[in-house]
């Protein structure tokens, strides 16, 4: 993903934690993540065995419009 005014390649950390374009989606995703007391780090989030978290991650990535 490239930003017109600040071109850079976005990694998974940027997408999950920092991309300003994804703030609304991130708020929803992280509310759910925190409700299950999952630590806010990439490894813990992506390795969660909780089906609802996995489904929410898939939805989050689909909403970004990124092709993974």
PDB file of N, CA and C in Angstrom:
ATOM      1  N   UNK A   1       0.852  -1.157   0.000  1.00  0.00           N
ATOM      2  CA  UNK A   1       0.000   0.000   0.000  1.00  0.00           C
ATOM      3  C   UNK A   1       0.907   1.231   0.000  1.00  0.00           C
ATOM      4  N   UNK A   2       0.579   2.193  -0.816  1.00  0.00           N
ATOM      5  CA  UNK A   2       1.354   3.425  -0.880  1.00  0.00           C
ATOM      6  C   UNK A   2       0.461   4.598  -0.527  1.00  0.00           C
ATOM      7  N   UNK A   3       1.014   5.536   0.192  1.00  0.00           N
ATOM      8  CA  UNK A   3       0.328   6.781   0.480  1.00  0.00           C
ATOM      9  C   UNK A   3       0.884   7.831  -0.468  1.00  0.00           C
ATOM     10  N   UNK A   4       0.017   8.590  -1.083  1.00  0.00           N
ATOM     11  CA  UNK A   4       0.425   9.567  -2.084  1.00  0.00           C
ATOM     12  C   UNK A   4       1.428  10.574  -1.529  1.00  0.00           C
ATOM     13  N   UNK A   5       1.199  11.059  -0.318  1.00  0.00           N
ATOM     14  CA  UNK A   5       2.049  12.108   0.233  1.00  0.00           C
ATOM     15  C   UNK A   5       3.249  11.570   1.012  1.00  0.00           C
ATOM     16  N   UNK A   6       3.255  10.309   1.321  1.00  0.00           N
ATOM     17  CA  UNK A   6       4.341   9.709   2.080  1.00  0.00           C
ATOM     18  C   UNK A   6       4.526   8.272   1.601  1.00  0.00           C
ATOM     19  N   UNK A   7       5.068   8.118   0.389  1.00  0.00           N
ATOM     20  CA  UNK A   7       5.162   6.770  -0.175  1.00  0.00           C
ATOM     21  C   UNK A   7       6.088   5.871   0.643  1.00  0.00           C
ATOM     22  N   UNK A   8       5.558   4.716   1.003  1.00  0.00           N
ATOM     23  CA  UNK A   8       6.328   3.713   1.707  1.00  0.00           C
ATOM     24  C   UNK A   8       5.598   2.385   1.585  1.00  0.00           C
ATOM     25  N   UNK A   9       6.322   1.327   1.723  1.00  0.00           N
ATOM     26  CA  UNK A   9       5.687   0.021   1.723  1.00  0.00           C
ATOM     27  C   UNK A   9       5.223  -0.259   3.144  1.00  0.00           C
ATOM     28  N   UNK A  10       3.991  -0.647   3.277  1.00  0.00           N
ATOM     29  CA  UNK A  10       3.414  -0.880   4.599  1.00  0.00           C
ATOM     30  C   UNK A  10       3.574  -2.341   4.991  1.00  0.00           C
ATOM     31  N   UNK A  11       4.140  -2.555   6.170  1.00  0.00           N
ATOM     32  CA  UNK A  11       4.247  -3.920   6.690  1.00  0.00           C
ATOM     33  C   UNK A  11       3.070  -4.194   7.614  1.00  0.00           C
ATOM     34  N   UNK A  12       2.996  -5.407   8.123  1.00  0.00           N
ATOM     35  CA  UNK A  12       1.861  -5.809   8.945  1.00  0.00           C
ATOM     36  C   UNK A  12       1.742  -4.959  10.217  1.00  0.00           C
ATOM     37  N   UNK A  13       2.863  -4.579  10.788  1.00  0.00           N
ATOM     38  CA  UNK A  13       2.850  -3.737  11.981  1.00  0.00           C
ATOM     39  C   UNK A  13       2.232  -2.372  11.672  1.00  0.00           C
ATOM     40  N   UNK A  14       2.601  -1.798  10.558  1.00  0.00           N
ATOM     41  CA  UNK A  14       2.037  -0.505  10.161  1.00  0.00           C
ATOM     42  C   UNK A  14       0.527  -0.620   9.965  1.00  0.00           C
ATOM     43  N   UNK A  15       0.112  -1.679   9.296  1.00  0.00           N
ATOM     44  CA  UNK A  15      -1.313  -1.865   9.015  1.00  0.00           C
ATOM     45  C   UNK A  15      -2.099  -2.041  10.312  1.00  0.00           C
ATOM     46  N   UNK A  16      -1.597  -2.877  11.214  1.00  0.00           N
ATOM     47  CA  UNK A  16      -2.328  -3.152  12.452  1.00  0.00           C
ATOM     48  C   UNK A  16      -2.303  -1.996  13.450  1.00  0.00           C
ATOM     49  N   UNK A  17      -1.188  -1.270  13.530  1.00  0.00           N
ATOM     50  CA  UNK A  17      -1.022  -0.310  14.627  1.00  0.00           C
ATOM     51  C   UNK A  17      -0.915   1.160  14.230  1.00  0.00           C
ATOM     52  N   UNK A  18      -0.498   1.468  13.010  1.00  0.00           N
ATOM     53  CA  UNK A  18      -0.113   2.852  12.733  1.00  0.00           C
ATOM     54  C   UNK A  18      -0.778   3.537  11.541  1.00  0.00           C
ATOM     55  N   UNK A  19      -1.316   2.800  10.603  1.00  0.00           N
ATOM     56  CA  UNK A  19      -1.832   3.425   9.386  1.00  0.00           C
ATOM     57  C   UNK A  19      -3.000   4.365   9.720  1.00  0.00           C
ATOM     58  N   UNK A  20      -2.849   5.646   9.433  1.00  0.00           N
ATOM     59  CA  UNK A  20      -3.907   6.601   9.766  1.00  0.00           C
ATOM     60  C   UNK A  20      -5.191   6.367   8.967  1.00  0.00           C
ATOM     61  N   UNK A  21      -5.095   5.722   7.834  1.00  0.00           N
ATOM     62  CA  UNK A  21      -6.274   5.456   7.013  1.00  0.00           C
ATOM     63  C   UNK A  21      -7.190   4.397   7.622  1.00  0.00           C
ATOM     64  N   UNK A  22      -6.677   3.643   8.583  1.00  0.00           N
ATOM     65  CA  UNK A  22      -7.427   2.506   9.111  1.00  0.00           C
ATOM     66  C   UNK A  22      -7.903   2.698  10.555  1.00  0.00           C
ATOM     67  N   UNK A  23      -7.884   3.925  11.032  1.00  0.00           N
ATOM     68  CA  UNK A  23      -8.256   4.189  12.430  1.00  0.00           C
ATOM     69  C   UNK A  23      -9.648   3.655  12.781  1.00  0.00           C
ATOM     70  N   UNK A  24     -10.698   3.925  11.998  1.00  0.00           N
ATOM     71  CA  UNK A  24     -12.023   3.433  12.397  1.00  0.00           C
ATOM     72  C   UNK A  24     -12.074   1.900  12.501  1.00  0.00           C
ATOM     73  N   UNK A  25     -11.486   1.212  11.536  1.00  0.00           N
ATOM     74  CA  UNK A  25     -11.467  -0.249  11.564  1.00  0.00           C
ATOM     75  C   UNK A  25     -10.618  -0.765  12.725  1.00  0.00           C
ATOM     76  N   UNK A  26      -9.518  -0.085  12.999  1.00  0.00           N
ATOM     77  CA  UNK A  26      -8.608  -0.491  14.069  1.00  0.00           C
ATOM     78  C   UNK A  26      -9.293  -0.383  15.432  1.00  0.00           C
ATOM     79  N   UNK A  27     -10.065   0.655  15.647  1.00  0.00           N
ATOM     80  CA  UNK A  27     -10.757   0.840  16.931  1.00  0.00           C
ATOM     81  C   UNK A  27     -11.656  -0.359  17.207  1.00  0.00           C
ATOM     82  N   UNK A  28     -12.421  -0.771  16.230  1.00  0.00           N
ATOM     83  CA  UNK A  28     -13.319  -1.912  16.392  1.00  0.00           C
ATOM     84  C   UNK A  28     -12.541  -3.192  16.648  1.00  0.00           C
ATOM     85  N   UNK A  29     -11.513  -3.425  15.843  1.00  0.00           N
ATOM     86  CA  UNK A  29     -10.703  -4.638  15.985  1.00  0.00           C
ATOM     87  C   UNK A  29     -10.043  -4.701  17.359  1.00  0.00           C
ATOM     88  N   UNK A  30      -9.432  -3.611  17.787  1.00  0.00           N
ATOM     89  CA  UNK A  30      -8.702  -3.635  19.053  1.00  0.00           C
ATOM     90  C   UNK A  30      -9.628  -3.648  20.277  1.00  0.00           C
ATOM     91  N   UNK A  31     -10.832  -3.156  20.142  1.00  0.00           N
ATOM     92  CA  UNK A  31     -11.797  -3.298  21.242  1.00  0.00           C
ATOM     93  C   UNK A  31     -12.064  -4.788  21.480  1.00  0.00           C
ATOM     94  N   UNK A  32     -12.215  -5.525  20.413  1.00  0.00           N
ATOM     95  CA  UNK A  32     -12.439  -6.964  20.536  1.00  0.00           C
ATOM     96  C   UNK A  32     -11.192  -7.666  21.075  1.00  0.00           C
ATOM     97  N   UNK A  33     -10.035  -7.329  20.527  1.00  0.00           N
ATOM     98  CA  UNK A  33      -8.774  -7.932  20.980  1.00  0.00           C
ATOM     99  C   UNK A  33      -8.589  -7.702  22.477  1.00  0.00           C
ATOM    100  N   UNK A  34      -8.818  -6.488  22.927  1.00  0.00           N
ATOM    101  CA  UNK A  34      -8.646  -6.172  24.351  1.00  0.00           C
ATOM    102  C   UNK A  34      -9.682  -6.871  25.227  1.00  0.00           C
ATOM    103  N   UNK A  35     -10.872  -7.097  24.679  1.00  0.00           N
ATOM    104  CA  UNK A  35     -11.904  -7.774  25.473  1.00  0.00           C
ATOM    105  C   UNK A  35     -11.519  -9.221  25.798  1.00  0.00           C
ATOM    106  N   UNK A  36     -10.622  -9.798  24.993  1.00  0.00           N
ATOM    107  CA  UNK A  36     -10.125 -11.153  25.247  1.00  0.00           C
ATOM    108  C   UNK A  36      -8.763 -11.133  25.950  1.00  0.00           C
ATOM    109  N   UNK A  37      -8.329  -9.959  26.375  1.00  0.00           N
ATOM    110  CA  UNK A  37      -7.042  -9.798  27.073  1.00  0.00           C
ATOM    111  C   UNK A  37      -5.857 -10.321  26.266  1.00  0.00           C
ATOM    112  N   UNK A  38      -5.912 -10.126  24.963  1.00  0.00           N
ATOM    113  CA  UNK A  38      -4.798 -10.507  24.100  1.00  0.00           C
ATOM    114  C   UNK A  38      -3.814  -9.338  24.090  1.00  0.00           C
ATOM    115  N   UNK A  39      -2.531  -9.617  24.335  1.00  0.00           N
ATOM    116  CA  UNK A  39      -1.533  -8.534  24.304  1.00  0.00           C
ATOM    117  C   UNK A  39      -1.512  -7.831  22.944  1.00  0.00           C
ATOM    118  N   UNK A  40      -1.283  -6.538  22.977  1.00  0.00           N
ATOM    119  CA  UNK A  40      -1.268  -5.737  21.750  1.00  0.00           C
ATOM    120  C   UNK A  40       0.092  -5.805  21.063  1.00  0.00           C
ATOM    121  N   UNK A  41       0.432  -6.978  20.580  1.00  0.00           N
ATOM    122  CA  UNK A  41       1.631  -7.118  19.749  1.00  0.00           C
ATOM    123  C   UNK A  41       1.285  -8.032  18.583  1.00  0.00           C
ATOM    124  N   UNK A  42       1.999  -7.866  17.521  1.00  0.00           N
ATOM    125  CA  UNK A  42       1.685  -8.566  16.274  1.00  0.00           C
ATOM    126  C   UNK A  42       1.621 -10.075  16.461  1.00  0.00           C
ATOM    127  N   UNK A  43       2.607 -10.650  17.120  1.00  0.00           N
ATOM    128  CA  UNK A  43       2.646 -12.104  17.270  1.00  0.00           C
ATOM    129  C   UNK A  43       1.433 -12.622  18.043  1.00  0.00           C
ATOM    130  N   UNK A  44       1.100 -11.994  19.150  1.00  0.00           N
ATOM    131  CA  UNK A  44      -0.044 -12.440  19.957  1.00  0.00           C
ATOM    132  C   UNK A  44      -1.360 -12.317  19.193  1.00  0.00           C
ATOM    133  N   UNK A  45      -1.508 -11.249  18.476  1.00  0.00           N
ATOM    134  CA  UNK A  45      -2.746 -11.029  17.728  1.00  0.00           C
ATOM    135  C   UNK A  45      -2.882 -12.043  16.596  1.00  0.00           C
ATOM    136  N   UNK A  46      -1.824 -12.201  15.811  1.00  0.00           N
ATOM    137  CA  UNK A  46      -1.903 -13.087  14.648  1.00  0.00           C
ATOM    138  C   UNK A  46      -1.899 -14.568  15.014  1.00  0.00           C
ATOM    139  N   UNK A  47      -1.441 -14.903  16.200  1.00  0.00           N
ATOM    140  CA  UNK A  47      -1.423 -16.314  16.593  1.00  0.00           C
ATOM    141  C   UNK A  47      -2.571 -16.675  17.533  1.00  0.00           C
ATOM    142  N   UNK A  48      -3.507 -15.782  17.703  1.00  0.00           N
ATOM    143  CA  UNK A  48      -4.649 -16.056  18.581  1.00  0.00           C
ATOM    144  C   UNK A  48      -5.456 -17.237  18.037  1.00  0.00           C
ATOM    145  N   UNK A  49      -5.792 -18.193  18.923  1.00  0.00           N
ATOM    146  CA  UNK A  49      -6.613 -19.325  18.493  1.00  0.00           C
ATOM    147  C   UNK A  49      -8.123 -19.051  18.573  1.00  0.00           C
ATOM    148  N   UNK A  50      -8.485 -17.838  18.982  1.00  0.00           N
ATOM    149  CA  UNK A  50      -9.896 -17.500  19.182  1.00  0.00           C
ATOM    150  C   UNK A  50     -10.547 -17.211  17.820  1.00  0.00           C
ATOM    151  N   UNK A  51     -11.549 -18.004  17.490  1.00  0.00           N
ATOM    152  CA  UNK A  51     -12.195 -17.918  16.178  1.00  0.00           C
ATOM    153  C   UNK A  51     -12.735 -16.515  15.902  1.00  0.00           C
ATOM    154  N   UNK A  52     -13.314 -15.876  16.887  1.00  0.00           N
ATOM    155  CA  UNK A  52     -13.857 -14.525  16.692  1.00  0.00           C
ATOM    156  C   UNK A  52     -12.747 -13.526  16.354  1.00  0.00           C
ATOM    157  N   UNK A  53     -11.582 -13.677  16.951  1.00  0.00           N
ATOM    158  CA  UNK A  53     -10.445 -12.808  16.639  1.00  0.00           C
ATOM    159  C   UNK A  53      -9.976 -13.058  15.211  1.00  0.00           C
ATOM    160  N   UNK A  54      -9.868 -14.328  14.847  1.00  0.00           N
ATOM    161  CA  UNK A  54      -9.432 -14.676  13.487  1.00  0.00           C
ATOM    162  C   UNK A  54     -10.405 -14.106  12.462  1.00  0.00           C
ATOM    163  N   UNK A  55     -11.691 -14.283  12.701  1.00  0.00           N
ATOM    164  CA  UNK A  55     -12.704 -13.745  11.782  1.00  0.00           C
ATOM    165  C   UNK A  55     -12.628 -12.221  11.709  1.00  0.00           C
ATOM    166  N   UNK A  56     -12.394 -11.573  12.843  1.00  0.00           N
ATOM    167  CA  UNK A  56     -12.290 -10.111  12.865  1.00  0.00           C
ATOM    168  C   UNK A  56     -11.045  -9.626  12.134  1.00  0.00           C
ATOM    169  N   UNK A  57      -9.951 -10.363  12.258  1.00  0.00           N
ATOM    170  CA  UNK A  57      -8.735 -10.018  11.509  1.00  0.00           C
ATOM    171  C   UNK A  57      -8.973 -10.121  10.008  1.00  0.00           C
ATOM    172  N   UNK A  58      -9.632 -11.189   9.591  1.00  0.00           N
ATOM    173  CA  UNK A  58      -9.937 -11.357   8.164  1.00  0.00           C
ATOM    174  C   UNK A  58     -10.822 -10.210   7.686  1.00  0.00           C
ATOM    175  N   UNK A  59     -11.822  -9.871   8.462  1.00  0.00           N
ATOM    176  CA  UNK A  59     -12.695  -8.754   8.112  1.00  0.00           C
ATOM    177  C   UNK A  59     -11.915  -7.442   8.043  1.00  0.00           C
ATOM    178  N   UNK A  60     -11.050  -7.208   9.034  1.00  0.00           N
ATOM    179  CA  UNK A  60     -10.224  -6.001   9.064  1.00  0.00           C
ATOM    180  C   UNK A  60      -9.378  -5.909   7.794  1.00  0.00           C
ATOM    181  N   UNK A  61      -8.698  -6.997   7.443  1.00  0.00           N
ATOM    182  CA  UNK A  61      -7.855  -6.969   6.248  1.00  0.00           C
ATOM    183  C   UNK A  61      -8.686  -6.805   4.981  1.00  0.00           C
ATOM    184  N   UNK A  62      -9.871  -7.384   4.933  1.00  0.00           N
ATOM    185  CA  UNK A  62     -10.745  -7.190   3.782  1.00  0.00           C
ATOM    186  C   UNK A  62     -11.181  -5.730   3.661  1.00  0.00           C
ATOM    187  N   UNK A  63     -11.453  -5.091   4.789  1.00  0.00           N
ATOM    188  CA  UNK A  63     -11.884  -3.696   4.788  1.00  0.00           C
ATOM    189  C   UNK A  63     -10.782  -2.746   4.334  1.00  0.00           C
ATOM    190  N   UNK A  64      -9.530  -3.151   4.512  1.00  0.00           N
ATOM    191  CA  UNK A  64      -8.421  -2.273   4.109  1.00  0.00           C
ATOM    192  C   UNK A  64      -8.327  -2.127   2.612  1.00  0.00           C
ATOM    193  N   UNK A  65      -8.856  -3.113   1.875  1.00  0.00           N
ATOM    194  CA  UNK A  65      -8.732  -3.087   0.428  1.00  0.00           C
ATOM    195  C   UNK A  65      -7.396  -3.612  -0.055  1.00  0.00           C
ATOM    196  N   UNK A  66      -6.567  -4.074   0.886  1.00  0.00           N
ATOM    197  CA  UNK A  66      -5.272  -4.617   0.501  1.00  0.00           C
ATOM    198  C   UNK A  66      -5.426  -6.018  -0.066  1.00  0.00           C
ATOM    199  N   UNK A  67      -4.564  -6.352  -0.969  1.00  0.00           N
ATOM    200  CA  UNK A  67      -4.535  -7.706  -1.517  1.00  0.00           C
ATOM    201  C   UNK A  67      -3.411  -8.435  -0.819  1.00  0.00           C
ATOM    202  N   UNK A  68      -3.766  -9.457  -0.080  1.00  0.00           N
ATOM    203  CA  UNK A  68      -2.769 -10.203   0.701  1.00  0.00           C
ATOM    204  C   UNK A  68      -2.511 -11.532   0.028  1.00  0.00           C
TER     205      UNK A  68
END
